[in-house]
């Protein structure tokens, strides 16, 4: 199979499905935020 990178055009559709959001600047991870909304939509 082929590896694909998918970038959602709006984060509301997927951010609550992840525990953390990584902050990237210039290709380097510079921080990590816990996602407070994790699992809130059913």
Protein backbone atom coordinates (compact mmCIF):
# COMPACT_ATOMS: atom_id res chain seq x y z
CA UNK A 1 0.00 0.00 0.00
CA UNK A 2 0.87 3.61 -0.38
CA UNK A 3 1.31 5.99 2.58
CA UNK A 4 -0.88 9.09 2.32
CA UNK A 5 -0.81 12.29 4.34
CA UNK A 6 -4.29 13.71 4.86
CA UNK A 7 -4.72 17.24 6.17
CA UNK A 8 -8.34 18.05 7.14
CA UNK A 9 -9.52 21.44 5.89
CA UNK A 10 -11.17 22.14 9.27
CA UNK A 11 -10.12 20.68 12.63
CA UNK A 12 -13.64 20.40 14.09
CA UNK A 13 -14.16 17.16 12.18
CA UNK A 14 -11.30 15.30 13.83
CA UNK A 15 -9.66 17.09 16.78
CA UNK A 16 -11.90 15.44 19.41
CA UNK A 17 -10.73 12.00 18.23
CA UNK A 18 -7.19 12.59 19.55
CA UNK A 19 -5.74 12.84 23.06
CA UNK A 20 -3.12 15.43 22.15
CA UNK A 21 -2.39 18.10 19.57
CA UNK A 22 1.25 18.59 18.63
CA UNK A 23 2.48 22.10 17.87
CA UNK A 24 4.90 22.25 14.94
CA UNK A 25 6.99 25.19 13.78
CA UNK A 26 9.43 24.93 10.90
CA UNK A 27 9.07 21.14 10.80
CA UNK A 28 10.00 20.76 14.49
CA UNK A 29 7.63 19.77 17.31
CA UNK A 30 7.68 22.69 19.77
CA UNK A 31 4.88 21.68 22.13
CA UNK A 32 1.95 19.44 22.91
CA UNK A 33 -1.56 20.34 24.13
CA UNK A 34 -4.04 17.94 25.75
CA UNK A 35 -7.39 17.97 23.88
CA UNK A 36 -10.08 18.78 26.48
CA UNK A 37 -12.87 17.86 24.03
CA UNK A 38 -11.58 14.27 23.61
CA UNK A 39 -14.55 11.94 23.13
CA UNK A 40 -17.22 14.58 23.92
CA UNK A 41 -19.19 14.14 20.67
CA UNK A 42 -21.15 10.92 20.16
